[in-house]
PDB file of all heavy atoms in Angstrom:
ATOM      1  N   GLY A   1       4.669  -7.792   0.159  1.00  0.00           N
ATOM      2  CA  GLY A   1       5.425  -6.582   0.462  1.00  0.00           C
ATOM      3  C   GLY A   1       5.799  -5.818  -0.793  1.00  0.00           C
ATOM      4  O   GLY A   1       5.740  -4.595  -0.835  1.00  0.00           O
ATOM      5  N   GLY A   2       6.201  -6.570  -1.824  1.00  0.00           N
ATOM      6  CA  GLY A   2       6.549  -5.934  -3.096  1.00  0.00           C
ATOM      7  C   GLY A   2       5.362  -5.230  -3.703  1.00  0.00           C
ATOM      8  O   GLY A   2       5.476  -4.120  -4.248  1.00  0.00           O
ATOM      9  N   THR A   3       4.193  -5.872  -3.618  1.00  0.00           N
ATOM     10  CA  THR A   3       2.957  -5.279  -4.163  1.00  0.00           C
ATOM     11  C   THR A   3       2.587  -4.000  -3.387  1.00  0.00           C
ATOM     12  O   THR A   3       2.248  -2.969  -3.983  1.00  0.00           O
ATOM     13  CB  THR A   3       1.799  -6.295  -4.071  1.00  0.00           C
ATOM     14  OG1 THR A   3       2.171  -7.446  -4.856  1.00  0.00           O
ATOM     15  CG2 THR A   3       0.531  -5.680  -4.577  1.00  0.00           C
ATOM     16  N   TYR A   4       2.675  -4.059  -2.062  1.00  0.00           N
ATOM     17  CA  TYR A   4       2.386  -2.887  -1.267  1.00  0.00           C
ATOM     18  C   TYR A   4       3.321  -1.728  -1.659  1.00  0.00           C
ATOM     19  O   TYR A   4       2.869  -0.590  -1.860  1.00  0.00           O
ATOM     20  CB  TYR A   4       2.533  -3.164   0.237  1.00  0.00           C
ATOM     21  CG  TYR A   4       2.333  -1.916   1.082  1.00  0.00           C
ATOM     22  CD1 TYR A   4       1.044  -1.484   1.394  1.00  0.00           C
ATOM     23  CD2 TYR A   4       3.438  -1.172   1.498  1.00  0.00           C
ATOM     24  CE1 TYR A   4       0.877  -0.317   2.150  1.00  0.00           C
ATOM     25  CE2 TYR A   4       3.259  -0.013   2.232  1.00  0.00           C
ATOM     26  CZ  TYR A   4       1.977   0.410   2.557  1.00  0.00           C
ATOM     27  OH  TYR A   4       1.808   1.567   3.274  1.00  0.00           O
ATOM     28  N   THR A   5       4.596  -2.040  -1.835  1.00  0.00           N
ATOM     29  CA  THR A   5       5.576  -1.008  -2.185  1.00  0.00           C
ATOM     30  C   THR A   5       5.257  -0.360  -3.515  1.00  0.00           C
ATOM     31  O   THR A   5       5.318   0.870  -3.678  1.00  0.00           O
ATOM     32  CB  THR A   5       6.978  -1.623  -2.229  1.00  0.00           C
ATOM     33  OG1 THR A   5       7.296  -2.134  -0.935  1.00  0.00           O
ATOM     34  CG2 THR A   5       8.025  -0.595  -2.630  1.00  0.00           C
ATOM     35  N   ILE A   6       4.902  -1.179  -4.504  1.00  0.00           N
ATOM     36  CA  ILE A   6       4.565  -0.638  -5.836  1.00  0.00           C
ATOM     37  C   ILE A   6       3.315   0.220  -5.763  1.00  0.00           C
ATOM     38  O   ILE A   6       3.264   1.330  -6.327  1.00  0.00           O
ATOM     39  CB  ILE A   6       4.389  -1.775  -6.854  1.00  0.00           C
ATOM     40  CG1 ILE A   6       5.719  -2.517  -7.073  1.00  0.00           C
ATOM     41  CG2 ILE A   6       3.897  -1.209  -8.209  1.00  0.00           C
ATOM     42  CD1 ILE A   6       5.577  -3.761  -7.923  1.00  0.00           C
ATOM     43  N   LEU A   7       2.257  -0.285  -5.083  1.00  0.00           N
ATOM     44  CA  LEU A   7       1.022   0.499  -4.976  1.00  0.00           C
ATOM     45  C   LEU A   7       1.251   1.813  -4.259  1.00  0.00           C
ATOM     46  O   LEU A   7       0.629   2.842  -4.612  1.00  0.00           O
ATOM     47  CB  LEU A   7      -0.045  -0.327  -4.255  1.00  0.00           C
ATOM     48  CG  LEU A   7      -0.642  -1.522  -5.025  1.00  0.00           C
ATOM     49  CD1 LEU A   7      -1.547  -2.321  -4.120  1.00  0.00           C
ATOM     50  CD2 LEU A   7      -1.431  -1.024  -6.262  1.00  0.00           C
ATOM     51  N   ARG A   8       2.112   1.799  -3.259  1.00  0.00           N
ATOM     52  CA  ARG A   8       2.414   3.044  -2.530  1.00  0.00           C
ATOM     53  C   ARG A   8       3.229   4.005  -3.399  1.00  0.00           C
ATOM     54  O   ARG A   8       2.853   5.181  -3.565  1.00  0.00           O
ATOM     55  CB  ARG A   8       3.194   2.704  -1.259  1.00  0.00           C
ATOM     56  CG  ARG A   8       3.582   3.901  -0.396  1.00  0.00           C
ATOM     57  CD  ARG A   8       4.616   3.497   0.636  1.00  0.00           C
ATOM     58  NE  ARG A   8       5.875   3.064  -0.025  1.00  0.00           N
ATOM     59  CZ  ARG A   8       6.778   2.270   0.556  1.00  0.00           C
ATOM     60  NH1 ARG A   8       6.569   1.809   1.805  1.00  0.00           N
ATOM     61  NH2 ARG A   8       7.888   1.951  -0.077  1.00  0.00           N
ATOM     62  N   ASP A   9       4.325   3.507  -3.974  1.00  0.00           N
ATOM     63  CA  ASP A   9       5.248   4.387  -4.698  1.00  0.00           C
ATOM     64  C   ASP A   9       4.689   4.813  -6.046  1.00  0.00           C
ATOM     65  O   ASP A   9       5.081   5.874  -6.575  1.00  0.00           O
ATOM     66  CB  ASP A   9       6.588   3.672  -4.887  1.00  0.00           C
ATOM     67  CG  ASP A   9       7.293   3.415  -3.565  1.00  0.00           C
ATOM     68  OD1 ASP A   9       6.841   3.973  -2.535  1.00  0.00           O
ATOM     69  OD2 ASP A   9       8.284   2.654  -3.580  1.00  0.00           O
ATOM     70  N   LYS A  10       3.839   4.002  -6.674  1.00  0.00           N
ATOM     71  CA  LYS A  10       3.330   4.303  -8.009  1.00  0.00           C
ATOM     72  C   LYS A  10       1.866   4.815  -7.972  1.00  0.00           C
ATOM     73  O   LYS A  10       1.209   4.870  -9.002  1.00  0.00           O
ATOM     74  CB  LYS A  10       3.379   3.050  -8.900  1.00  0.00           C
ATOM     75  CG  LYS A  10       4.771   2.505  -9.115  1.00  0.00           C
ATOM     76  CD  LYS A  10       5.582   3.399 -10.039  1.00  0.00           C
ATOM     77  CE  LYS A  10       6.902   2.761 -10.413  1.00  0.00           C
ATOM     78  NZ  LYS A  10       7.704   3.634 -11.306  1.00  0.00           N
ATOM     79  N   HIS A  11       1.402   5.171  -6.789  1.00  0.00           N
ATOM     80  CA  HIS A  11      -0.017   5.591  -6.661  1.00  0.00           C
ATOM     81  C   HIS A  11      -0.343   6.722  -7.630  1.00  0.00           C
ATOM     82  O   HIS A  11      -1.309   6.644  -8.408  1.00  0.00           O
ATOM     83  CB  HIS A  11      -0.321   6.001  -5.230  1.00  0.00           C
ATOM     84  CG  HIS A  11      -1.719   6.530  -5.068  1.00  0.00           C
ATOM     85  ND1 HIS A  11      -2.022   7.870  -5.247  1.00  0.00           N
ATOM     86  CD2 HIS A  11      -2.904   5.927  -4.764  1.00  0.00           C
ATOM     87  CE1 HIS A  11      -3.325   8.062  -5.056  1.00  0.00           C
ATOM     88  NE2 HIS A  11      -3.862   6.897  -4.759  1.00  0.00           N
ATOM     89  N   ASP A  12       0.424   7.798  -7.573  1.00  0.00           N
ATOM     90  CA  ASP A  12       0.121   8.948  -8.401  1.00  0.00           C
ATOM     91  C   ASP A  12       0.352   8.647  -9.875  1.00  0.00           C
ATOM     92  O   ASP A  12      -0.398   9.141 -10.749  1.00  0.00           O
ATOM     93  CB  ASP A  12       0.984  10.141  -7.995  1.00  0.00           C
ATOM     94  CG  ASP A  12       0.648  10.630  -6.568  1.00  0.00           C
ATOM     95  OD1 ASP A  12      -0.417  10.234  -6.043  1.00  0.00           O
ATOM     96  OD2 ASP A  12       1.428  11.399  -6.024  1.00  0.00           O
ATOM     97  N   TYR A  13       1.342   7.856 -10.167  1.00  0.00           N
ATOM     98  CA  TYR A  13       1.642   7.460 -11.573  1.00  0.00           C
ATOM     99  C   TYR A  13       0.463   6.693 -12.157  1.00  0.00           C
ATOM    100  O   TYR A  13       0.014   6.945 -13.282  1.00  0.00           O
ATOM    101  CB  TYR A  13       2.911   6.614 -11.593  1.00  0.00           C
ATOM    102  CG  TYR A  13       3.322   6.115 -12.955  1.00  0.00           C
ATOM    103  CD1 TYR A  13       4.068   6.918 -13.793  1.00  0.00           C
ATOM    104  CD2 TYR A  13       2.962   4.832 -13.380  1.00  0.00           C
ATOM    105  CE1 TYR A  13       4.472   6.450 -15.071  1.00  0.00           C
ATOM    106  CE2 TYR A  13       3.332   4.367 -14.643  1.00  0.00           C
ATOM    107  CZ  TYR A  13       4.094   5.180 -15.469  1.00  0.00           C
ATOM    108  OH  TYR A  13       4.461   4.713 -16.712  1.00  0.00           O
ATOM    109  N   ILE A  14      -0.060   5.720 -11.401  1.00  0.00           N
ATOM    110  CA  ILE A  14      -1.213   4.935 -11.850  1.00  0.00           C
ATOM    111  C   ILE A  14      -2.453   5.809 -12.010  1.00  0.00           C
ATOM    112  O   ILE A  14      -3.195   5.741 -12.991  1.00  0.00           O
ATOM    113  CB  ILE A  14      -1.485   3.757 -10.893  1.00  0.00           C
ATOM    114  CG1 ILE A  14      -0.346   2.737 -10.953  1.00  0.00           C
ATOM    115  CG2 ILE A  14      -2.826   3.073 -11.189  1.00  0.00           C
ATOM    116  CD1 ILE A  14      -0.376   1.699  -9.865  1.00  0.00           C
ATOM    117  N   ALA A  15      -2.660   6.704 -11.012  1.00  0.00           N
ATOM    118  CA  ALA A  15      -3.824   7.586 -11.085  1.00  0.00           C
ATOM    119  C   ALA A  15      -3.770   8.483 -12.317  1.00  0.00           C
ATOM    120  O   ALA A  15      -4.774   8.657 -13.040  1.00  0.00           O
ATOM    121  CB  ALA A  15      -3.899   8.441  -9.835  1.00  0.00           C
ATOM    122  N   GLU A  16      -2.598   9.025 -12.613  1.00  0.00           N
ATOM    123  CA  GLU A  16      -2.444   9.936 -13.747  1.00  0.00           C
ATOM    124  C   GLU A  16      -2.609   9.206 -15.070  1.00  0.00           C
ATOM    125  O   GLU A  16      -3.239   9.719 -16.021  1.00  0.00           O
ATOM    126  CB  GLU A  16      -1.056  10.589 -13.689  1.00  0.00           C
ATOM    127  CG  GLU A  16      -0.775  11.545 -14.855  1.00  0.00           C
ATOM    128  CD  GLU A  16       0.615  12.153 -14.795  1.00  0.00           C
ATOM    129  OE1 GLU A  16       1.309  11.958 -13.734  1.00  0.00           O
ATOM    130  OE2 GLU A  16       1.024  12.782 -15.755  1.00  0.00           O
ATOM    131  N   ASN A  17      -2.066   8.008 -15.182  1.00  0.00           N
ATOM    132  CA  ASN A  17      -2.050   7.299 -16.481  1.00  0.00           C
ATOM    133  C   ASN A  17      -3.217   6.386 -16.716  1.00  0.00           C
ATOM    134  O   ASN A  17      -3.598   6.116 -17.848  1.00  0.00           O
ATOM    135  CB  ASN A  17      -0.752   6.514 -16.623  1.00  0.00           C
ATOM    136  CG  ASN A  17       0.448   7.431 -16.793  1.00  0.00           C
ATOM    137  OD1 ASN A  17       0.676   7.958 -17.871  1.00  0.00           O
ATOM    138  ND2 ASN A  17       1.196   7.623 -15.715  1.00  0.00           N
ATOM    139  N   GLU A  18      -3.835   5.862 -15.612  1.00  0.00           N
ATOM    140  CA  GLU A  18      -4.935   4.925 -15.760  1.00  0.00           C
ATOM    141  C   GLU A  18      -6.277   5.495 -15.287  1.00  0.00           C
ATOM    142  O   GLU A  18      -7.322   4.880 -15.520  1.00  0.00           O
ATOM    143  CB  GLU A  18      -4.633   3.653 -14.938  1.00  0.00           C
ATOM    144  CG  GLU A  18      -3.348   2.933 -15.334  1.00  0.00           C
ATOM    145  CD  GLU A  18      -3.362   2.381 -16.750  1.00  0.00           C
ATOM    146  OE1 GLU A  18      -4.479   2.090 -17.257  1.00  0.00           O
ATOM    147  OE2 GLU A  18      -2.281   2.256 -17.365  1.00  0.00           O
ATOM    148  N   GLY A  19      -6.246   6.640 -14.649  1.00  0.00           N
ATOM    149  CA  GLY A  19      -7.483   7.238 -14.175  1.00  0.00           C
ATOM    150  C   GLY A  19      -8.108   6.478 -13.021  1.00  0.00           C
ATOM    151  O   GLY A  19      -9.335   6.535 -12.849  1.00  0.00           O
ATOM    152  N   ILE A  20      -7.296   5.789 -12.238  1.00  0.00           N
ATOM    153  CA  ILE A  20      -7.811   4.982 -11.132  1.00  0.00           C
ATOM    154  C   ILE A  20      -7.036   5.349  -9.859  1.00  0.00           C
ATOM    155  O   ILE A  20      -5.808   5.274  -9.796  1.00  0.00           O
ATOM    156  CB  ILE A  20      -7.627   3.466 -11.420  1.00  0.00           C
ATOM    157  CG1 ILE A  20      -8.483   3.087 -12.643  1.00  0.00           C
ATOM    158  CG2 ILE A  20      -8.042   2.612 -10.213  1.00  0.00           C
ATOM    159  CD1 ILE A  20      -8.269   1.683 -13.101  1.00  0.00           C
ATOM    160  N   ASP A  21      -7.758   5.747  -8.851  1.00  0.00           N
ATOM    161  CA  ASP A  21      -7.218   6.064  -7.520  1.00  0.00           C
ATOM    162  C   ASP A  21      -7.336   4.825  -6.638  1.00  0.00           C
ATOM    163  O   ASP A  21      -8.416   4.488  -6.169  1.00  0.00           O
ATOM    164  CB  ASP A  21      -7.988   7.225  -6.919  1.00  0.00           C
ATOM    165  CG  ASP A  21      -7.519   7.607  -5.535  1.00  0.00           C
ATOM    166  OD1 ASP A  21      -6.469   7.073  -5.100  1.00  0.00           O
ATOM    167  OD2 ASP A  21      -8.195   8.408  -4.865  1.00  0.00           O
ATOM    168  N   ILE A  22      -6.209   4.107  -6.458  1.00  0.00           N
ATOM    169  CA  ILE A  22      -6.213   2.873  -5.674  1.00  0.00           C
ATOM    170  C   ILE A  22      -5.933   3.167  -4.224  1.00  0.00           C
ATOM    171  O   ILE A  22      -4.894   3.735  -3.889  1.00  0.00           O
ATOM    172  CB  ILE A  22      -5.175   1.877  -6.231  1.00  0.00           C
ATOM    173  CG1 ILE A  22      -5.563   1.453  -7.648  1.00  0.00           C
ATOM    174  CG2 ILE A  22      -5.079   0.635  -5.309  1.00  0.00           C
ATOM    175  CD1 ILE A  22      -4.559   0.538  -8.319  1.00  0.00           C
ATOM    176  N   GLU A  23      -6.863   2.774  -3.369  1.00  0.00           N
ATOM    177  CA  GLU A  23      -6.720   2.971  -1.929  1.00  0.00           C
ATOM    178  C   GLU A  23      -6.572   1.605  -1.251  1.00  0.00           C
ATOM    179  O   GLU A  23      -7.477   0.744  -1.370  1.00  0.00           O
ATOM    180  CB  GLU A  23      -7.938   3.684  -1.361  1.00  0.00           C
ATOM    181  CG  GLU A  23      -7.862   3.869   0.143  1.00  0.00           C
ATOM    182  CD  GLU A  23      -9.159   4.383   0.762  1.00  0.00           C
ATOM    183  OE1 GLU A  23     -10.181   4.394   0.064  1.00  0.00           O
ATOM    184  OE2 GLU A  23      -9.156   4.717   1.954  1.00  0.00           O
ATOM    185  N   ILE A  24      -5.475   1.404  -0.536  1.00  0.00           N
ATOM    186  CA  ILE A  24      -5.309   0.168   0.243  1.00  0.00           C
ATOM    187  C   ILE A  24      -6.080   0.372   1.544  1.00  0.00           C
ATOM    188  O   ILE A  24      -5.650   1.116   2.427  1.00  0.00           O
ATOM    189  CB  ILE A  24      -3.836  -0.123   0.525  1.00  0.00           C
ATOM    190  CG1 ILE A  24      -3.045  -0.238  -0.777  1.00  0.00           C
ATOM    191  CG2 ILE A  24      -3.685  -1.416   1.320  1.00  0.00           C
ATOM    192  CD1 ILE A  24      -1.564  -0.417  -0.613  1.00  0.00           C
ATOM    193  N   ARG A  25      -7.218  -0.301   1.623  1.00  0.00           N
ATOM    194  CA  ARG A  25      -8.103  -0.075   2.755  1.00  0.00           C
ATOM    195  C   ARG A  25      -7.886  -1.069   3.878  1.00  0.00           C
ATOM    196  O   ARG A  25      -8.268  -0.797   5.039  1.00  0.00           O
ATOM    197  CB  ARG A  25      -9.582  -0.170   2.311  1.00  0.00           C
ATOM    198  CG  ARG A  25      -9.987   0.965   1.360  1.00  0.00           C
ATOM    199  CD  ARG A  25     -11.487   0.873   1.061  1.00  0.00           C
ATOM    200  NE  ARG A  25     -12.321   0.907   2.267  1.00  0.00           N
ATOM    201  CZ  ARG A  25     -12.670   2.020   2.897  1.00  0.00           C
ATOM    202  NH1 ARG A  25     -12.256   3.209   2.441  1.00  0.00           N
ATOM    203  NH2 ARG A  25     -13.458   1.948   3.961  1.00  0.00           N
ATOM    204  N   CYS A  26      -7.274  -2.223   3.579  1.00  0.00           N
ATOM    205  CA  CYS A  26      -7.108  -3.228   4.625  1.00  0.00           C
ATOM    206  C   CYS A  26      -5.948  -4.140   4.270  1.00  0.00           C
ATOM    207  O   CYS A  26      -5.741  -4.505   3.105  1.00  0.00           O
ATOM    208  CB  CYS A  26      -8.392  -4.067   4.739  1.00  0.00           C
ATOM    209  SG  CYS A  26      -8.457  -5.061   6.247  1.00  0.00           S
ATOM    210  N   VAL A  27      -5.162  -4.515   5.279  1.00  0.00           N
ATOM    211  CA  VAL A  27      -4.060  -5.451   5.133  1.00  0.00           C
ATOM    212  C   VAL A  27      -4.237  -6.523   6.188  1.00  0.00           C
ATOM    213  O   VAL A  27      -4.244  -6.230   7.387  1.00  0.00           O
ATOM    214  CB  VAL A  27      -2.702  -4.764   5.287  1.00  0.00           C
ATOM    215  CG1 VAL A  27      -1.585  -5.819   5.269  1.00  0.00           C
ATOM    216  CG2 VAL A  27      -2.477  -3.752   4.192  1.00  0.00           C
ATOM    217  N   LEU A  28      -4.379  -7.779   5.717  1.00  0.00           N
ATOM    218  CA  LEU A  28      -4.522  -8.911   6.668  1.00  0.00           C
ATOM    219  C   LEU A  28      -3.137  -9.454   6.943  1.00  0.00           C
ATOM    220  O   LEU A  28      -2.509 -10.090   6.094  1.00  0.00           O
ATOM    221  CB  LEU A  28      -5.415  -9.987   6.020  1.00  0.00           C
ATOM    222  CG  LEU A  28      -5.997 -11.054   6.942  1.00  0.00           C
ATOM    223  CD1 LEU A  28      -7.039 -10.427   7.863  1.00  0.00           C
ATOM    224  CD2 LEU A  28      -6.624 -12.192   6.131  1.00  0.00           C
ATOM    225  N   GLU A  29      -2.636  -9.201   8.147  1.00  0.00           N
ATOM    226  CA  GLU A  29      -1.257  -9.593   8.476  1.00  0.00           C
ATOM    227  C   GLU A  29      -1.099  -9.689   9.996  1.00  0.00           C
ATOM    228  O   GLU A  29      -1.440  -8.737  10.719  1.00  0.00           O
ATOM    229  CB  GLU A  29      -0.264  -8.569   7.919  1.00  0.00           C
ATOM    230  CG  GLU A  29       1.181  -8.817   8.259  1.00  0.00           C
ATOM    231  CD  GLU A  29       1.705 -10.152   7.809  1.00  0.00           C
ATOM    232  OE1 GLU A  29       1.639 -10.440   6.578  1.00  0.00           O
ATOM    233  OE2 GLU A  29       2.135 -10.947   8.661  1.00  0.00           O
ATOM    234  N   LYS A  30      -0.618 -10.853  10.447  1.00  0.00           N
ATOM    235  CA  LYS A  30      -0.417 -11.008  11.899  1.00  0.00           C
ATOM    236  C   LYS A  30       0.941 -10.544  12.375  1.00  0.00           C
ATOM    237  O   LYS A  30       1.148 -10.339  13.572  1.00  0.00           O
ATOM    238  CB  LYS A  30      -0.625 -12.465  12.298  1.00  0.00           C
ATOM    239  CG  LYS A  30       0.309 -13.451  11.660  1.00  0.00           C
ATOM    240  CD  LYS A  30      -0.047 -14.886  12.034  1.00  0.00           C
ATOM    241  CE  LYS A  30       0.876 -15.900  11.368  1.00  0.00           C
ATOM    242  NZ  LYS A  30       0.502 -17.296  11.708  1.00  0.00           N
ATOM    243  N   ASN A  31       1.917 -10.395  11.447  1.00  0.00           N
ATOM    244  CA  ASN A  31       3.262  -9.953  11.795  1.00  0.00           C
ATOM    245  C   ASN A  31       3.306  -8.422  11.766  1.00  0.00           C
ATOM    246  O   ASN A  31       3.552  -7.797  10.719  1.00  0.00           O
ATOM    247  CB  ASN A  31       4.283 -10.539  10.831  1.00  0.00           C
ATOM    248  CG  ASN A  31       5.714 -10.230  11.206  1.00  0.00           C
ATOM    249  OD1 ASN A  31       5.970  -9.322  12.016  1.00  0.00           O
ATOM    250  ND2 ASN A  31       6.641 -10.976  10.650  1.00  0.00           N
ATOM    251  N   LEU A  32       3.059  -7.811  12.912  1.00  0.00           N
ATOM    252  CA  LEU A  32       3.012  -6.350  12.981  1.00  0.00           C
ATOM    253  C   LEU A  32       4.382  -5.704  12.690  1.00  0.00           C
ATOM    254  O   LEU A  32       4.430  -4.600  12.184  1.00  0.00           O
ATOM    255  CB  LEU A  32       2.498  -5.914  14.352  1.00  0.00           C
ATOM    256  CG  LEU A  32       1.060  -6.365  14.682  1.00  0.00           C
ATOM    257  CD1 LEU A  32       0.646  -5.840  16.076  1.00  0.00           C
ATOM    258  CD2 LEU A  32       0.087  -5.860  13.629  1.00  0.00           C
ATOM    259  N   ASP A  33       5.459  -6.419  13.029  1.00  0.00           N
ATOM    260  CA  ASP A  33       6.787  -5.892  12.718  1.00  0.00           C
ATOM    261  C   ASP A  33       6.986  -5.753  11.216  1.00  0.00           C
ATOM    262  O   ASP A  33       7.587  -4.784  10.745  1.00  0.00           O
ATOM    263  CB  ASP A  33       7.884  -6.814  13.321  1.00  0.00           C
ATOM    264  CG  ASP A  33       7.925  -6.738  14.835  1.00  0.00           C
ATOM    265  OD1 ASP A  33       7.466  -5.718  15.378  1.00  0.00           O
ATOM    266  OD2 ASP A  33       8.469  -7.677  15.427  1.00  0.00           O
ATOM    267  N   ARG A  34       6.483  -6.729  10.462  1.00  0.00           N
ATOM    268  CA  ARG A  34       6.577  -6.659   9.003  1.00  0.00           C
ATOM    269  C   ARG A  34       5.803  -5.474   8.475  1.00  0.00           C
ATOM    270  O   ARG A  34       6.253  -4.739   7.580  1.00  0.00           O
ATOM    271  CB  ARG A  34       6.066  -7.969   8.390  1.00  0.00           C
ATOM    272  CG  ARG A  34       5.980  -7.978   6.868  1.00  0.00           C
ATOM    273  CD  ARG A  34       7.313  -7.816   6.211  1.00  0.00           C
ATOM    274  NE  ARG A  34       7.210  -8.047   4.766  1.00  0.00           N
ATOM    275  CZ  ARG A  34       8.133  -7.718   3.895  1.00  0.00           C
ATOM    276  NH1 ARG A  34       9.253  -7.102   4.301  1.00  0.00           N
ATOM    277  NH2 ARG A  34       7.974  -7.967   2.608  1.00  0.00           N
ATOM    278  N   ALA A  35       4.610  -5.244   9.010  1.00  0.00           N
ATOM    279  CA  ALA A  35       3.808  -4.113   8.580  1.00  0.00           C
ATOM    280  C   ALA A  35       4.494  -2.807   8.907  1.00  0.00           C
ATOM    281  O   ALA A  35       4.518  -1.860   8.049  1.00  0.00           O
ATOM    282  CB  ALA A  35       2.431  -4.169   9.250  1.00  0.00           C
ATOM    283  N   ARG A  36       5.071  -2.689  10.084  1.00  0.00           N
ATOM    284  CA  ARG A  36       5.796  -1.469  10.454  1.00  0.00           C
ATOM    285  C   ARG A  36       7.026  -1.264   9.565  1.00  0.00           C
ATOM    286  O   ARG A  36       7.320  -0.123   9.175  1.00  0.00           O
ATOM    287  CB  ARG A  36       6.204  -1.526  11.922  1.00  0.00           C
ATOM    288  CG  ARG A  36       5.101  -1.196  12.908  1.00  0.00           C
ATOM    289  CD  ARG A  36       5.621  -0.999  14.321  1.00  0.00           C
ATOM    290  NE  ARG A  36       6.058  -2.258  14.914  1.00  0.00           N
ATOM    291  CZ  ARG A  36       5.280  -3.036  15.654  1.00  0.00           C
ATOM    292  NH1 ARG A  36       4.019  -2.679  15.883  1.00  0.00           N
ATOM    293  NH2 ARG A  36       5.740  -4.154  16.152  1.00  0.00           N
ATOM    294  N   GLU A  37       7.719  -2.362   9.263  1.00  0.00           N
ATOM    295  CA  GLU A  37       8.896  -2.279   8.403  1.00  0.00           C
ATOM    296  C   GLU A  37       8.569  -1.670   7.046  1.00  0.00           C
ATOM    297  O   GLU A  37       9.361  -0.907   6.467  1.00  0.00           O
ATOM    298  CB  GLU A  37       9.480  -3.677   8.219  1.00  0.00           C
ATOM    299  CG  GLU A  37      10.628  -3.823   7.272  1.00  0.00           C
ATOM    300  CD  GLU A  37      10.979  -5.271   7.007  1.00  0.00           C
ATOM    301  OE1 GLU A  37      10.770  -6.115   7.891  1.00  0.00           O
ATOM    302  OE2 GLU A  37      11.411  -5.572   5.864  1.00  0.00           O
ATOM    303  N   LEU A  38       7.376  -1.982   6.527  1.00  0.00           N
ATOM    304  CA  LEU A  38       6.973  -1.490   5.230  1.00  0.00           C
ATOM    305  C   LEU A  38       6.308  -0.129   5.307  1.00  0.00           C
ATOM    306  O   LEU A  38       5.978   0.481   4.255  1.00  0.00           O
ATOM    307  CB  LEU A  38       6.019  -2.477   4.571  1.00  0.00           C
ATOM    308  CG  LEU A  38       6.633  -3.804   4.089  1.00  0.00           C
ATOM    309  CD1 LEU A  38       5.545  -4.821   3.761  1.00  0.00           C
ATOM    310  CD2 LEU A  38       7.521  -3.563   2.859  1.00  0.00           C
ATOM    311  N   GLY A  39       6.038   0.349   6.525  1.00  0.00           N
ATOM    312  CA  GLY A  39       5.398   1.655   6.675  1.00  0.00           C
ATOM    313  C   GLY A  39       3.908   1.629   6.511  1.00  0.00           C
ATOM    314  O   GLY A  39       3.302   2.644   6.178  1.00  0.00           O
ATOM    315  N   VAL A  40       3.287   0.472   6.763  1.00  0.00           N
ATOM    316  CA  VAL A  40       1.827   0.339   6.620  1.00  0.00           C
ATOM    317  C   VAL A  40       1.138   1.053   7.806  1.00  0.00           C
ATOM    318  O   VAL A  40       1.537   0.883   8.946  1.00  0.00           O
ATOM    319  CB  VAL A  40       1.390  -1.135   6.558  1.00  0.00           C
ATOM    320  CG1 VAL A  40      -0.111  -1.242   6.384  1.00  0.00           C
ATOM    321  CG2 VAL A  40       2.119  -1.849   5.411  1.00  0.00           C
ATOM    322  N   ASP A  41       0.112   1.815   7.519  1.00  0.00           N
ATOM    323  CA  ASP A  41      -0.664   2.470   8.558  1.00  0.00           C
ATOM    324  C   ASP A  41      -1.274   1.406   9.484  1.00  0.00           C
ATOM    325  O   ASP A  41      -2.050   0.560   9.031  1.00  0.00           O
ATOM    326  CB  ASP A  41      -1.798   3.273   7.900  1.00  0.00           C
ATOM    327  CG  ASP A  41      -2.663   4.022   8.920  1.00  0.00           C
ATOM    328  OD1 ASP A  41      -2.452   3.854  10.129  1.00  0.00           O
ATOM    329  OD2 ASP A  41      -3.590   4.743   8.460  1.00  0.00           O
ATOM    330  N   PRO A  42      -0.930   1.411  10.768  1.00  0.00           N
ATOM    331  CA  PRO A  42      -1.456   0.391  11.689  1.00  0.00           C
ATOM    332  C   PRO A  42      -2.974   0.320  11.717  1.00  0.00           C
ATOM    333  O   PRO A  42      -3.548  -0.729  12.003  1.00  0.00           O
ATOM    334  CB  PRO A  42      -0.902   0.825  13.057  1.00  0.00           C
ATOM    335  CG  PRO A  42       0.281   1.700  12.741  1.00  0.00           C
ATOM    336  CD  PRO A  42      -0.036   2.374  11.450  1.00  0.00           C
ATOM    337  N   ALA A  43      -3.633   1.410  11.390  1.00  0.00           N
ATOM    338  CA  ALA A  43      -5.115   1.423  11.445  1.00  0.00           C
ATOM    339  C   ALA A  43      -5.767   0.511  10.427  1.00  0.00           C
ATOM    340  O   ALA A  43      -6.924   0.133  10.583  1.00  0.00           O
ATOM    341  CB  ALA A  43      -5.626   2.854  11.264  1.00  0.00           C
ATOM    342  N   ILE A  44      -5.024   0.160   9.376  1.00  0.00           N
ATOM    343  CA  ILE A  44      -5.629  -0.688   8.336  1.00  0.00           C
ATOM    344  C   ILE A  44      -5.157  -2.149   8.445  1.00  0.00           C
ATOM    345  O   ILE A  44      -5.574  -2.996   7.661  1.00  0.00           O
ATOM    346  CB  ILE A  44      -5.356  -0.161   6.915  1.00  0.00           C
ATOM    347  CG1 ILE A  44      -3.855  -0.273   6.555  1.00  0.00           C
ATOM    348  CG2 ILE A  44      -5.859   1.269   6.735  1.00  0.00           C
ATOM    349  CD1 ILE A  44      -3.560   0.003   5.095  1.00  0.00           C
TER     350      ILE A  44
END
C-alpha cells in the first residue's frame, strides 16, 4: 500500500526527474476493500 501511494503521488515527480513514466498496469489482490481504500482502479 505504501508503494502504491508513492507511485501514485510521485508519478509526475519521477517522470520529470527520471524521464520514466511508470504505469501501474496490474495489482494482484484478493482484498477488494483494501484496493478501494487506496483508490486503486478496480479494472486493474
